[in-house]
């Protein structure tokens, strides 16, 4: 996956590698609501910062654009980051105008499922800041569960993806 870049389509979006042409749009969607949550993004996030991020994409860290199927507008970014062994981390941010519409859930689910299919037996993780309820809810909807362990980044909790739900609902 991080050696081969994704090209996916879902009902509402297309997911392709970010390109240099995306720098202006990437800077536009990466506002303070994003930079305050993503530790490696400077604030303010400029077009030059966007170009540098895109230029560094590849190998162990690949950033993908999430675009609207109809208008091609840049809705968000999904990063796939190779860790030690057969472990991959998923991270993402979305434009304020795209939040709350199910686009992020649809896109992140597609990337996670494609990663799992292309790397049988790999572990897929995400780190989430406690209190980021919307992001945690998104991750849980697509099959992530808390490991109860701290993430590598300060103030983050580690979640792991499971192909099958890790909870059971009993009738009572």
C-alpha atoms as a PDB file:
ATOM      1  CA  UNK A   1       0.000   0.000   0.000  1.00  0.00           C
ATOM      2  CA  UNK A   2       2.580   2.566   0.902  1.00  0.00           C
ATOM      3  CA  UNK A   3       4.783   1.135  -1.817  1.00  0.00           C
ATOM      4  CA  UNK A   4       1.904   1.348  -4.286  1.00  0.00           C
ATOM      5  CA  UNK A   5      -0.317   4.387  -4.205  1.00  0.00           C
ATOM      6  CA  UNK A   6      -4.072   3.937  -4.043  1.00  0.00           C
ATOM      7  CA  UNK A   7      -6.669   4.883  -6.599  1.00  0.00           C
ATOM      8  CA  UNK A   8     -10.144   4.128  -5.239  1.00  0.00           C
ATOM      9  CA  UNK A   9     -13.700   5.183  -5.936  1.00  0.00           C
ATOM     10  CA  UNK A  10     -16.646   5.101  -3.563  1.00  0.00           C
ATOM     11  CA  UNK A  11     -20.236   6.235  -3.972  1.00  0.00           C
ATOM     12  CA  UNK A  12     -19.357   9.862  -3.165  1.00  0.00           C
ATOM     13  CA  UNK A  13     -15.613  10.287  -3.632  1.00  0.00           C
ATOM     14  CA  UNK A  14     -12.445   9.428  -5.484  1.00  0.00           C
ATOM     15  CA  UNK A  15      -9.247   8.713  -3.558  1.00  0.00           C
ATOM     16  CA  UNK A  16      -5.953   9.272  -5.368  1.00  0.00           C
ATOM     17  CA  UNK A  17      -2.429  10.320  -4.414  1.00  0.00           C
ATOM     18  CA  UNK A  18      -1.955  14.013  -3.745  1.00  0.00           C
ATOM     19  CA  UNK A  19      -0.050  15.801  -6.520  1.00  0.00           C
ATOM     20  CA  UNK A  20       1.785  19.119  -6.696  1.00  0.00           C
ATOM     21  CA  UNK A  21      -1.323  20.613  -8.314  1.00  0.00           C
ATOM     22  CA  UNK A  22      -3.182  19.998  -5.041  1.00  0.00           C
ATOM     23  CA  UNK A  23      -0.991  22.348  -2.969  1.00  0.00           C
ATOM     24  CA  UNK A  24      -3.309  25.369  -3.068  1.00  0.00           C
ATOM     25  CA  UNK A  25      -6.403  23.291  -2.271  1.00  0.00           C
ATOM     26  CA  UNK A  26      -4.595  21.413   0.486  1.00  0.00           C
ATOM     27  CA  UNK A  27      -3.524  24.664   2.130  1.00  0.00           C
ATOM     28  CA  UNK A  28      -7.104  25.939   1.876  1.00  0.00           C
ATOM     29  CA  UNK A  29      -8.640  22.949   3.723  1.00  0.00           C
ATOM     30  CA  UNK A  30      -5.889  22.771   6.355  1.00  0.00           C
ATOM     31  CA  UNK A  31      -7.047  25.448   8.752  1.00  0.00           C
ATOM     32  CA  UNK A  32      -6.546  25.915  12.515  1.00  0.00           C
ATOM     33  CA  UNK A  33      -9.131  23.236  13.292  1.00  0.00           C
ATOM     34  CA  UNK A  34      -6.777  20.794  11.580  1.00  0.00           C
ATOM     35  CA  UNK A  35      -3.351  22.137  12.559  1.00  0.00           C
ATOM     36  CA  UNK A  36      -4.367  22.211  16.230  1.00  0.00           C
ATOM     37  CA  UNK A  37      -4.998  18.456  16.064  1.00  0.00           C
ATOM     38  CA  UNK A  38      -2.261  17.176  13.706  1.00  0.00           C
ATOM     39  CA  UNK A  39       1.079  17.572  15.459  1.00  0.00           C
ATOM     40  CA  UNK A  40       3.306  17.619  12.365  1.00  0.00           C
ATOM     41  CA  UNK A  41       1.434  20.403  10.562  1.00  0.00           C
ATOM     42  CA  UNK A  42       2.658  23.974  11.100  1.00  0.00           C
ATOM     43  CA  UNK A  43       0.186  26.750  11.819  1.00  0.00           C
ATOM     44  CA  UNK A  44      -0.622  28.504   9.684  1.00  0.00           C
ATOM     45  CA  UNK A  45      -0.355  25.821   7.004  1.00  0.00           C
ATOM     46  CA  UNK A  46       0.734  27.568   3.826  1.00  0.00           C
ATOM     47  CA  UNK A  47       0.839  26.560   0.192  1.00  0.00           C
ATOM     48  CA  UNK A  48       4.625  26.085   0.589  1.00  0.00           C
ATOM     49  CA  UNK A  49       3.953  23.727   3.514  1.00  0.00           C
ATOM     50  CA  UNK A  50       1.463  21.844   1.345  1.00  0.00           C
ATOM     51  CA  UNK A  51       4.029  21.517  -1.455  1.00  0.00           C
ATOM     52  CA  UNK A  52       6.597  20.146   1.007  1.00  0.00           C
ATOM     53  CA  UNK A  53       4.138  17.602   2.418  1.00  0.00           C
ATOM     54  CA  UNK A  54       3.174  16.439  -1.079  1.00  0.00           C
ATOM     55  CA  UNK A  55       6.820  16.250  -2.205  1.00  0.00           C
ATOM     56  CA  UNK A  56       7.639  14.050   0.803  1.00  0.00           C
ATOM     57  CA  UNK A  57       4.767  11.641   0.142  1.00  0.00           C
ATOM     58  CA  UNK A  58       5.855   8.176  -0.878  1.00  0.00           C
ATOM     59  CA  UNK A  59       7.656   5.222   0.609  1.00  0.00           C
ATOM     60  CA  UNK A  60       6.561   4.896   4.234  1.00  0.00           C
ATOM     61  CA  UNK A  61       4.246   7.911   4.321  1.00  0.00           C
ATOM     62  CA  UNK A  62       1.699   8.299   1.547  1.00  0.00           C
ATOM     63  CA  UNK A  63      -0.926  11.056   1.506  1.00  0.00           C
ATOM     64  CA  UNK A  64      -4.068  10.593  -0.567  1.00  0.00           C
ATOM     65  CA  UNK A  65      -6.558  13.211  -1.743  1.00  0.00           C
ATOM     66  CA  UNK A  66     -10.243  12.595  -1.135  1.00  0.00           C
ATOM     67  CA  UNK A  67     -12.246  14.346  -3.877  1.00  0.00           C
ATOM     68  CA  UNK A  68     -15.921  14.685  -4.662  1.00  0.00           C
ATOM     69  CA  UNK A  69     -16.963  12.339  -7.453  1.00  0.00           C
ATOM     70  CA  UNK A  70     -18.992  14.994  -9.216  1.00  0.00           C
ATOM     71  CA  UNK A  71     -17.035  18.210  -8.873  1.00  0.00           C
ATOM     72  CA  UNK A  72     -13.576  16.859  -8.012  1.00  0.00           C
ATOM     73  CA  UNK A  73     -13.333  19.264  -5.057  1.00  0.00           C
ATOM     74  CA  UNK A  74     -10.695  18.370  -2.465  1.00  0.00           C
ATOM     75  CA  UNK A  75     -12.588  17.231   0.630  1.00  0.00           C
ATOM     76  CA  UNK A  76      -9.755  15.803   2.679  1.00  0.00           C
ATOM     77  CA  UNK A  77      -6.543  13.863   3.073  1.00  0.00           C
ATOM     78  CA  UNK A  78      -5.893  10.304   4.242  1.00  0.00           C
ATOM     79  CA  UNK A  79      -2.375   9.307   5.185  1.00  0.00           C
ATOM     80  CA  UNK A  80      -1.121   5.733   5.253  1.00  0.00           C
ATOM     81  CA  UNK A  81       2.037   5.395   7.336  1.00  0.00           C
ATOM     82  CA  UNK A  82       4.133   2.235   7.461  1.00  0.00           C
ATOM     83  CA  UNK A  83       5.375   1.345  10.913  1.00  0.00           C
ATOM     84  CA  UNK A  84       7.623  -1.446  12.120  1.00  0.00           C
ATOM     85  CA  UNK A  85       6.897  -4.860  10.666  1.00  0.00           C
ATOM     86  CA  UNK A  86       3.484  -5.342   9.115  1.00  0.00           C
ATOM     87  CA  UNK A  87       1.793  -2.455  10.910  1.00  0.00           C
ATOM     88  CA  UNK A  88       0.210   0.532   9.146  1.00  0.00           C
ATOM     89  CA  UNK A  89      -1.210   3.675  10.654  1.00  0.00           C
ATOM     90  CA  UNK A  90      -4.137   5.597   9.188  1.00  0.00           C
ATOM     91  CA  UNK A  91      -4.539   9.333   9.727  1.00  0.00           C
ATOM     92  CA  UNK A  92      -6.819  11.886   8.121  1.00  0.00           C
ATOM     93  CA  UNK A  93      -8.190  15.403   8.045  1.00  0.00           C
ATOM     94  CA  UNK A  94     -11.119  16.864   6.172  1.00  0.00           C
ATOM     95  CA  UNK A  95     -12.250  20.327   5.138  1.00  0.00           C
ATOM     96  CA  UNK A  96     -14.750  21.952   7.469  1.00  0.00           C
ATOM     97  CA  UNK A  97     -17.307  22.019   4.617  1.00  0.00           C
ATOM     98  CA  UNK A  98     -17.064  18.213   4.216  1.00  0.00           C
ATOM     99  CA  UNK A  99     -17.528  17.285   7.877  1.00  0.00           C
ATOM    100  CA  UNK A 100     -20.693  15.672   9.148  1.00  0.00           C
ATOM    101  CA  UNK A 101     -21.757  14.299   5.759  1.00  0.00           C
ATOM    102  CA  UNK A 102     -20.391  10.746   6.012  1.00  0.00           C
ATOM    103  CA  UNK A 103     -17.684  11.435   3.420  1.00  0.00           C
ATOM    104  CA  UNK A 104     -14.821  10.842   5.853  1.00  0.00           C
ATOM    105  CA  UNK A 105     -16.324   7.577   7.109  1.00  0.00           C
ATOM    106  CA  UNK A 106     -16.823   6.344   3.548  1.00  0.00           C
ATOM    107  CA  UNK A 107     -13.324   7.340   2.430  1.00  0.00           C
ATOM    108  CA  UNK A 108     -11.418   6.100   5.489  1.00  0.00           C
ATOM    109  CA  UNK A 109     -13.336   2.801   5.396  1.00  0.00           C
ATOM    110  CA  UNK A 110     -12.399   2.350   1.712  1.00  0.00           C
ATOM    111  CA  UNK A 111      -8.707   2.993   2.409  1.00  0.00           C
ATOM    112  CA  UNK A 112      -8.631   0.664   5.426  1.00  0.00           C
ATOM    113  CA  UNK A 113     -10.380  -2.120   3.526  1.00  0.00           C
ATOM    114  CA  UNK A 114      -8.062  -1.706   0.522  1.00  0.00           C
ATOM    115  CA  UNK A 115      -5.029  -1.760   2.810  1.00  0.00           C
ATOM    116  CA  UNK A 116      -6.250  -4.909   4.575  1.00  0.00           C
ATOM    117  CA  UNK A 117      -6.977  -6.634   1.247  1.00  0.00           C
ATOM    118  CA  UNK A 118      -3.585  -5.746  -0.210  1.00  0.00           C
ATOM    119  CA  UNK A 119      -1.641  -6.691   2.949  1.00  0.00           C
ATOM    120  CA  UNK A 120      -3.240  -9.854   4.388  1.00  0.00           C
ATOM    121  CA  UNK A 121      -2.315 -10.277   8.030  1.00  0.00           C
ATOM    122  CA  UNK A 122      -1.184  -6.702   8.555  1.00  0.00           C
ATOM    123  CA  UNK A 123      -2.220  -4.665  11.586  1.00  0.00           C
ATOM    124  CA  UNK A 124      -3.946  -1.344  10.986  1.00  0.00           C
ATOM    125  CA  UNK A 125      -3.901   1.240  13.741  1.00  0.00           C
ATOM    126  CA  UNK A 126      -4.920   4.826  14.363  1.00  0.00           C
ATOM    127  CA  UNK A 127      -4.106   7.282  17.122  1.00  0.00           C
ATOM    128  CA  UNK A 128      -6.836   9.532  18.464  1.00  0.00           C
ATOM    129  CA  UNK A 129      -6.816  12.276  21.037  1.00  0.00           C
ATOM    130  CA  UNK A 130      -9.201  11.542  23.927  1.00  0.00           C
ATOM    131  CA  UNK A 131     -12.053  13.987  23.673  1.00  0.00           C
ATOM    132  CA  UNK A 132     -12.021  14.019  19.856  1.00  0.00           C
ATOM    133  CA  UNK A 133     -15.414  12.333  19.902  1.00  0.00           C
ATOM    134  CA  UNK A 134     -16.205  12.721  16.210  1.00  0.00           C
ATOM    135  CA  UNK A 135     -12.955  11.128  15.089  1.00  0.00           C
ATOM    136  CA  UNK A 136     -13.232   8.330  17.634  1.00  0.00           C
ATOM    137  CA  UNK A 137     -16.820   7.665  16.521  1.00  0.00           C
ATOM    138  CA  UNK A 138     -15.697   7.515  12.874  1.00  0.00           C
ATOM    139  CA  UNK A 139     -12.968   5.013  13.746  1.00  0.00           C
ATOM    140  CA  UNK A 140     -15.338   2.856  15.784  1.00  0.00           C
ATOM    141  CA  UNK A 141     -17.923   2.847  12.950  1.00  0.00           C
ATOM    142  CA  UNK A 142     -15.422   1.279  10.588  1.00  0.00           C
ATOM    143  CA  UNK A 143     -14.088  -1.346  13.020  1.00  0.00           C
ATOM    144  CA  UNK A 144     -11.427   0.246  15.221  1.00  0.00           C
ATOM    145  CA  UNK A 145     -11.397  -0.465  18.944  1.00  0.00           C
ATOM    146  CA  UNK A 146      -9.309   0.987  21.726  1.00  0.00           C
ATOM    147  CA  UNK A 147      -6.280  -1.007  22.782  1.00  0.00           C
ATOM    148  CA  UNK A 148      -6.180   0.788  26.137  1.00  0.00           C
ATOM    149  CA  UNK A 149      -2.598   1.840  25.370  1.00  0.00           C
ATOM    150  CA  UNK A 150      -1.135   5.251  24.761  1.00  0.00           C
ATOM    151  CA  UNK A 151      -0.139   6.106  21.212  1.00  0.00           C
ATOM    152  CA  UNK A 152       3.331   7.218  20.142  1.00  0.00           C
ATOM    153  CA  UNK A 153       2.273  10.865  20.073  1.00  0.00           C
ATOM    154  CA  UNK A 154       1.717  12.664  23.361  1.00  0.00           C
ATOM    155  CA  UNK A 155      -1.905  12.718  24.447  1.00  0.00           C
ATOM    156  CA  UNK A 156      -3.073  10.078  21.953  1.00  0.00           C
ATOM    157  CA  UNK A 157      -4.707   6.718  22.504  1.00  0.00           C
ATOM    158  CA  UNK A 158      -4.040   3.753  20.246  1.00  0.00           C
ATOM    159  CA  UNK A 159      -6.877   2.056  18.377  1.00  0.00           C
ATOM    160  CA  UNK A 160      -6.624  -1.109  16.278  1.00  0.00           C
ATOM    161  CA  UNK A 161      -8.790  -2.131  13.341  1.00  0.00           C
ATOM    162  CA  UNK A 162     -10.588  -5.471  13.410  1.00  0.00           C
ATOM    163  CA  UNK A 163     -12.161  -7.034  10.360  1.00  0.00           C
ATOM    164  CA  UNK A 164     -14.945  -8.428  12.557  1.00  0.00           C
ATOM    165  CA  UNK A 165     -16.612  -6.411  15.328  1.00  0.00           C
ATOM    166  CA  UNK A 166     -14.953  -6.817  18.728  1.00  0.00           C
ATOM    167  CA  UNK A 167     -18.216  -6.349  20.591  1.00  0.00           C
ATOM    168  CA  UNK A 168     -21.377  -8.372  20.792  1.00  0.00           C
ATOM    169  CA  UNK A 169     -24.933  -7.205  21.280  1.00  0.00           C
ATOM    170  CA  UNK A 170     -27.048  -9.638  23.261  1.00  0.00           C
ATOM    171  CA  UNK A 171     -30.824  -9.568  23.426  1.00  0.00           C
ATOM    172  CA  UNK A 172     -32.090  -9.147  26.960  1.00  0.00           C
END
